[in-house]
Amino acid sequence: MCQTPENPQAVYKWISGKSLPSLDNFIILSRLLHTSIEDILVIDGDIVRLWYILFRKLN
């Protein structure tokens, strides 16, 4: 079963690095953004890379 964040705070926690999405949510995000999970996975605090990918996919 797919899980969705119960409130927008979950997304802010993901972006700030305080928590990570569940595997289900990673799959949902990758499908919504038409990209792989690896492309949206932030490693070593590379938040700039994540914002670039999100901006590129949404515009």
PDB file of N, CA and C in Angstrom:
ATOM      1  N   MET A   1       0.839  -1.174   0.000  1.00  0.00           N
ATOM      2  CA  MET A   1       0.000   0.000   0.000  1.00  0.00           C
ATOM      3  C   MET A   1       0.884   1.237   0.000  1.00  0.00           C
ATOM      4  N   CYS A   2       0.546   2.228  -0.816  1.00  0.00           N
ATOM      5  CA  CYS A   2       1.316   3.454  -0.895  1.00  0.00           C
ATOM      6  C   CYS A   2       0.962   4.368   0.262  1.00  0.00           C
ATOM      7  N   GLN A   3       1.970   4.986   0.824  1.00  0.00           N
ATOM      8  CA  GLN A   3       1.768   5.918   1.911  1.00  0.00           C
ATOM      9  C   GLN A   3       1.953   7.328   1.395  1.00  0.00           C
ATOM     10  N   THR A   4       1.177   8.251   1.924  1.00  0.00           N
ATOM     11  CA  THR A   4       1.360   9.653   1.597  1.00  0.00           C
ATOM     12  C   THR A   4       1.627  10.397   2.891  1.00  0.00           C
ATOM     13  N   PRO A   5       2.321  11.509   2.807  1.00  0.00           N
ATOM     14  CA  PRO A   5       2.568  12.278   4.023  1.00  0.00           C
ATOM     15  C   PRO A   5       1.255  12.709   4.648  1.00  0.00           C
ATOM     16  N   GLU A   6       1.174  12.614   5.972  1.00  0.00           N
ATOM     17  CA  GLU A   6      -0.050  13.015   6.644  1.00  0.00           C
ATOM     18  C   GLU A   6      -0.219  14.525   6.655  1.00  0.00           C
ATOM     19  N   ASN A   7       0.885  15.238   6.516  1.00  0.00           N
ATOM     20  CA  ASN A   7       0.816  16.690   6.438  1.00  0.00           C
ATOM     21  C   ASN A   7       2.033  17.199   5.679  1.00  0.00           C
ATOM     22  N   PRO A   8       1.961  18.437   5.232  1.00  0.00           N
ATOM     23  CA  PRO A   8       3.084  18.972   4.442  1.00  0.00           C
ATOM     24  C   PRO A   8       4.392  19.035   5.225  1.00  0.00           C
ATOM     25  N   GLN A   9       4.327  18.988   6.550  1.00  0.00           N
ATOM     26  CA  GLN A   9       5.549  19.040   7.351  1.00  0.00           C
ATOM     27  C   GLN A   9       6.493  17.905   6.989  1.00  0.00           C
ATOM     28  N   ALA A  10       5.958  16.772   6.601  1.00  0.00           N
ATOM     29  CA  ALA A  10       6.807  15.632   6.227  1.00  0.00           C
ATOM     30  C   ALA A  10       7.716  15.990   5.067  1.00  0.00           C
ATOM     31  N   VAL A  11       7.179  16.695   4.086  1.00  0.00           N
ATOM     32  CA  VAL A  11       7.977  17.089   2.915  1.00  0.00           C
ATOM     33  C   VAL A  11       9.074  18.056   3.340  1.00  0.00           C
ATOM     34  N   TYR A  12       8.758  18.996   4.215  1.00  0.00           N
ATOM     35  CA  TYR A  12       9.774  19.937   4.699  1.00  0.00           C
ATOM     36  C   TYR A  12      10.880  19.202   5.458  1.00  0.00           C
ATOM     37  N   LYS A  13      10.513  18.180   6.197  1.00  0.00           N
ATOM     38  CA  LYS A  13      11.531  17.384   6.901  1.00  0.00           C
ATOM     39  C   LYS A  13      12.420  16.653   5.909  1.00  0.00           C
ATOM     40  N   TRP A  14      11.855  16.173   4.812  1.00  0.00           N
ATOM     41  CA  TRP A  14      12.656  15.510   3.782  1.00  0.00           C
ATOM     42  C   TRP A  14      13.652  16.508   3.197  1.00  0.00           C
ATOM     43  N   ILE A  15      13.149  17.693   2.840  1.00  0.00           N
ATOM     44  CA  ILE A  15      13.989  18.696   2.197  1.00  0.00           C
ATOM     45  C   ILE A  15      15.096  19.175   3.129  1.00  0.00           C
ATOM     46  N   SER A  16      14.770  19.328   4.408  1.00  0.00           N
ATOM     47  CA  SER A  16      15.771  19.818   5.359  1.00  0.00           C
ATOM     48  C   SER A  16      16.733  18.726   5.812  1.00  0.00           C
ATOM     49  N   GLY A  17      16.466  17.486   5.430  1.00  0.00           N
ATOM     50  CA  GLY A  17      17.353  16.394   5.809  1.00  0.00           C
ATOM     51  C   GLY A  17      17.084  15.822   7.188  1.00  0.00           C
ATOM     52  N   LYS A  18      15.958  16.204   7.803  1.00  0.00           N
ATOM     53  CA  LYS A  18      15.620  15.705   9.133  1.00  0.00           C
ATOM     54  C   LYS A  18      15.047  14.293   9.083  1.00  0.00           C
ATOM     55  N   SER A  19      14.510  13.912   7.938  1.00  0.00           N
ATOM     56  CA  SER A  19      13.992  12.554   7.754  1.00  0.00           C
ATOM     57  C   SER A  19      14.012  12.223   6.271  1.00  0.00           C
ATOM     58  N   LEU A  20      13.766  10.975   5.957  1.00  0.00           N
ATOM     59  CA  LEU A  20      13.717  10.525   4.571  1.00  0.00           C
ATOM     60  C   LEU A  20      12.327   9.982   4.265  1.00  0.00           C
ATOM     61  N   PRO A  21      11.919  10.073   3.002  1.00  0.00           N
ATOM     62  CA  PRO A  21      10.650   9.456   2.614  1.00  0.00           C
ATOM     63  C   PRO A  21      10.749   7.936   2.764  1.00  0.00           C
ATOM     64  N   SER A  22       9.611   7.320   2.955  1.00  0.00           N
ATOM     65  CA  SER A  22       9.576   5.858   2.954  1.00  0.00           C
ATOM     66  C   SER A  22       9.881   5.364   1.546  1.00  0.00           C
ATOM     67  N   LEU A  23      10.174   4.099   1.408  1.00  0.00           N
ATOM     68  CA  LEU A  23      10.428   3.533   0.084  1.00  0.00           C
ATOM     69  C   LEU A  23       9.222   3.751  -0.820  1.00  0.00           C
ATOM     70  N   ASP A  24       8.025   3.570  -0.288  1.00  0.00           N
ATOM     71  CA  ASP A  24       6.810   3.813  -1.079  1.00  0.00           C
ATOM     72  C   ASP A  24       6.772   5.249  -1.607  1.00  0.00           C
ATOM     73  N   ASN A  25       7.117   6.204  -0.750  1.00  0.00           N
ATOM     74  CA  ASN A  25       7.095   7.602  -1.172  1.00  0.00           C
ATOM     75  C   ASN A  25       8.211   7.915  -2.161  1.00  0.00           C
ATOM     76  N   PHE A  26       9.378   7.254  -2.022  1.00  0.00           N
ATOM     77  CA  PHE A  26      10.423   7.420  -3.026  1.00  0.00           C
ATOM     78  C   PHE A  26       9.926   6.951  -4.394  1.00  0.00           C
ATOM     79  N   ILE A  27       9.224   5.843  -4.406  1.00  0.00           N
ATOM     80  CA  ILE A  27       8.686   5.315  -5.668  1.00  0.00           C
ATOM     81  C   ILE A  27       7.668   6.288  -6.256  1.00  0.00           C
ATOM     82  N   ILE A  28       6.779   6.804  -5.424  1.00  0.00           N
ATOM     83  CA  ILE A  28       5.774   7.764  -5.887  1.00  0.00           C
ATOM     84  C   ILE A  28       6.441   9.018  -6.436  1.00  0.00           C
ATOM     85  N   LEU A  29       7.428   9.553  -5.690  1.00  0.00           N
ATOM     86  CA  LEU A  29       8.140  10.751  -6.156  1.00  0.00           C
ATOM     87  C   LEU A  29       8.841  10.508  -7.479  1.00  0.00           C
ATOM     88  N   SER A  30       9.482   9.358  -7.605  1.00  0.00           N
ATOM     89  CA  SER A  30      10.204   9.077  -8.853  1.00  0.00           C
ATOM     90  C   SER A  30       9.243   8.973 -10.031  1.00  0.00           C
ATOM     91  N   ARG A  31       8.077   8.426  -9.801  1.00  0.00           N
ATOM     92  CA  ARG A  31       7.088   8.337 -10.886  1.00  0.00           C
ATOM     93  C   ARG A  31       6.513   9.698 -11.232  1.00  0.00           C
ATOM     94  N   LEU A  32       6.216  10.500 -10.209  1.00  0.00           N
ATOM     95  CA  LEU A  32       5.682  11.840 -10.465  1.00  0.00           C
ATOM     96  C   LEU A  32       6.672  12.715 -11.214  1.00  0.00           C
ATOM     97  N   LEU A  33       7.956  12.558 -10.896  1.00  0.00           N
ATOM     98  CA  LEU A  33       8.994  13.378 -11.518  1.00  0.00           C
ATOM     99  C   LEU A  33       9.601  12.725 -12.759  1.00  0.00           C
ATOM    100  N   HIS A  34       9.118  11.539 -13.110  1.00  0.00           N
ATOM    101  CA  HIS A  34       9.621  10.812 -14.281  1.00  0.00           C
ATOM    102  C   HIS A  34      11.141  10.655 -14.227  1.00  0.00           C
ATOM    103  N   THR A  35      11.621  10.186 -13.097  1.00  0.00           N
ATOM    104  CA  THR A  35      13.052  10.005 -12.901  1.00  0.00           C
ATOM    105  C   THR A  35      13.288   8.792 -12.006  1.00  0.00           C
ATOM    106  N   SER A  36      14.528   8.442 -11.815  1.00  0.00           N
ATOM    107  CA  SER A  36      14.827   7.282 -10.963  1.00  0.00           C
ATOM    108  C   SER A  36      14.925   7.711  -9.504  1.00  0.00           C
ATOM    109  N   ILE A  37      14.795   6.759  -8.617  1.00  0.00           N
ATOM    110  CA  ILE A  37      14.961   7.025  -7.187  1.00  0.00           C
ATOM    111  C   ILE A  37      16.361   7.561  -6.926  1.00  0.00           C
ATOM    112  N   GLU A  38      17.343   7.039  -7.637  1.00  0.00           N
ATOM    113  CA  GLU A  38      18.730   7.487  -7.452  1.00  0.00           C
ATOM    114  C   GLU A  38      18.885   8.976  -7.758  1.00  0.00           C
ATOM    115  N   ASP A  39      18.113   9.469  -8.729  1.00  0.00           N
ATOM    116  CA  ASP A  39      18.206  10.885  -9.078  1.00  0.00           C
ATOM    117  C   ASP A  39      17.657  11.797  -7.987  1.00  0.00           C
ATOM    118  N   ILE A  40      16.711  11.320  -7.207  1.00  0.00           N
ATOM    119  CA  ILE A  40      16.138  12.176  -6.170  1.00  0.00           C
ATOM    120  C   ILE A  40      16.713  11.889  -4.787  1.00  0.00           C
ATOM    121  N   LEU A  41      17.497  10.847  -4.674  1.00  0.00           N
ATOM    122  CA  LEU A  41      18.123  10.518  -3.396  1.00  0.00           C
ATOM    123  C   LEU A  41      19.263  11.495  -3.135  1.00  0.00           C
ATOM    124  N   VAL A  42      19.187  12.190  -2.028  1.00  0.00           N
ATOM    125  CA  VAL A  42      20.208  13.170  -1.665  1.00  0.00           C
ATOM    126  C   VAL A  42      21.274  12.472  -0.836  1.00  0.00           C
ATOM    127  N   ILE A  43      22.510  12.574  -1.288  1.00  0.00           N
ATOM    128  CA  ILE A  43      23.624  11.949  -0.585  1.00  0.00           C
ATOM    129  C   ILE A  43      24.577  13.038  -0.119  1.00  0.00           C
ATOM    130  N   ASP A  44      25.029  12.925   1.117  1.00  0.00           N
ATOM    131  CA  ASP A  44      25.983  13.877   1.701  1.00  0.00           C
ATOM    132  C   ASP A  44      25.451  15.310   1.684  1.00  0.00           C
ATOM    133  N   GLY A  45      24.164  15.478   1.957  1.00  0.00           N
ATOM    134  CA  GLY A  45      23.587  16.812   2.056  1.00  0.00           C
ATOM    135  C   GLY A  45      23.566  17.601   0.763  1.00  0.00           C
ATOM    136  N   ASP A  46      23.518  16.929  -0.366  1.00  0.00           N
ATOM    137  CA  ASP A  46      23.543  17.600  -1.666  1.00  0.00           C
ATOM    138  C   ASP A  46      22.162  18.145  -2.022  1.00  0.00           C
ATOM    139  N   ILE A  47      21.646  19.053  -1.190  1.00  0.00           N
ATOM    140  CA  ILE A  47      20.313  19.595  -1.392  1.00  0.00           C
ATOM    141  C   ILE A  47      20.224  20.455  -2.649  1.00  0.00           C
ATOM    142  N   VAL A  48      21.319  21.093  -3.021  1.00  0.00           N
ATOM    143  CA  VAL A  48      21.326  21.907  -4.246  1.00  0.00           C
ATOM    144  C   VAL A  48      21.030  21.030  -5.453  1.00  0.00           C
ATOM    145  N   ARG A  49      21.608  19.840  -5.488  1.00  0.00           N
ATOM    146  CA  ARG A  49      21.357  18.901  -6.585  1.00  0.00           C
ATOM    147  C   ARG A  49      19.888  18.517  -6.639  1.00  0.00           C
ATOM    148  N   LEU A  50      19.263  18.269  -5.474  1.00  0.00           N
ATOM    149  CA  LEU A  50      17.847  17.925  -5.427  1.00  0.00           C
ATOM    150  C   LEU A  50      16.992  19.065  -5.961  1.00  0.00           C
ATOM    151  N   TRP A  51      17.270  20.304  -5.552  1.00  0.00           N
ATOM    152  CA  TRP A  51      16.490  21.442  -6.032  1.00  0.00           C
ATOM    153  C   TRP A  51      16.629  21.607  -7.537  1.00  0.00           C
ATOM    154  N   TYR A  52      17.831  21.379  -8.063  1.00  0.00           N
ATOM    155  CA  TYR A  52      18.052  21.469  -9.508  1.00  0.00           C
ATOM    156  C   TYR A  52      17.203  20.433 -10.246  1.00  0.00           C
ATOM    157  N   ILE A  53      17.187  19.210  -9.748  1.00  0.00           N
ATOM    158  CA  ILE A  53      16.414  18.141 -10.383  1.00  0.00           C
ATOM    159  C   ILE A  53      14.929  18.467 -10.325  1.00  0.00           C
ATOM    160  N   LEU A  54      14.442  18.908  -9.155  1.00  0.00           N
ATOM    161  CA  LEU A  54      13.025  19.252  -9.027  1.00  0.00           C
ATOM    162  C   LEU A  54      12.648  20.404  -9.948  1.00  0.00           C
ATOM    163  N   PHE A  55      13.488  21.435 -10.001  1.00  0.00           N
ATOM    164  CA  PHE A  55      13.214  22.575 -10.853  1.00  0.00           C
ATOM    165  C   PHE A  55      13.171  22.164 -12.318  1.00  0.00           C
ATOM    166  N   ARG A  56      14.137  21.343 -12.724  1.00  0.00           N
ATOM    167  CA  ARG A  56      14.230  20.899 -14.116  1.00  0.00           C
ATOM    168  C   ARG A  56      13.003  20.056 -14.499  1.00  0.00           C
ATOM    169  N   LYS A  57      12.549  19.187 -13.594  1.00  0.00           N
ATOM    170  CA  LYS A  57      11.421  18.303 -13.894  1.00  0.00           C
ATOM    171  C   LYS A  57      10.083  19.039 -13.882  1.00  0.00           C
ATOM    172  N   LEU A  58       9.967  20.053 -13.036  1.00  0.00           N
ATOM    173  CA  LEU A  58       8.684  20.725 -12.894  1.00  0.00           C
ATOM    174  C   LEU A  58       8.499  21.894 -13.857  1.00  0.00           C
ATOM    175  N   ASN A  59       9.552  22.288 -14.520  1.00  0.00           N
ATOM    176  CA  ASN A  59       9.441  23.430 -15.465  1.00  0.00           C
ATOM    177  C   ASN A  59       9.637  23.003 -16.887  1.00  0.00           C
TER     178      ASN A  59
END
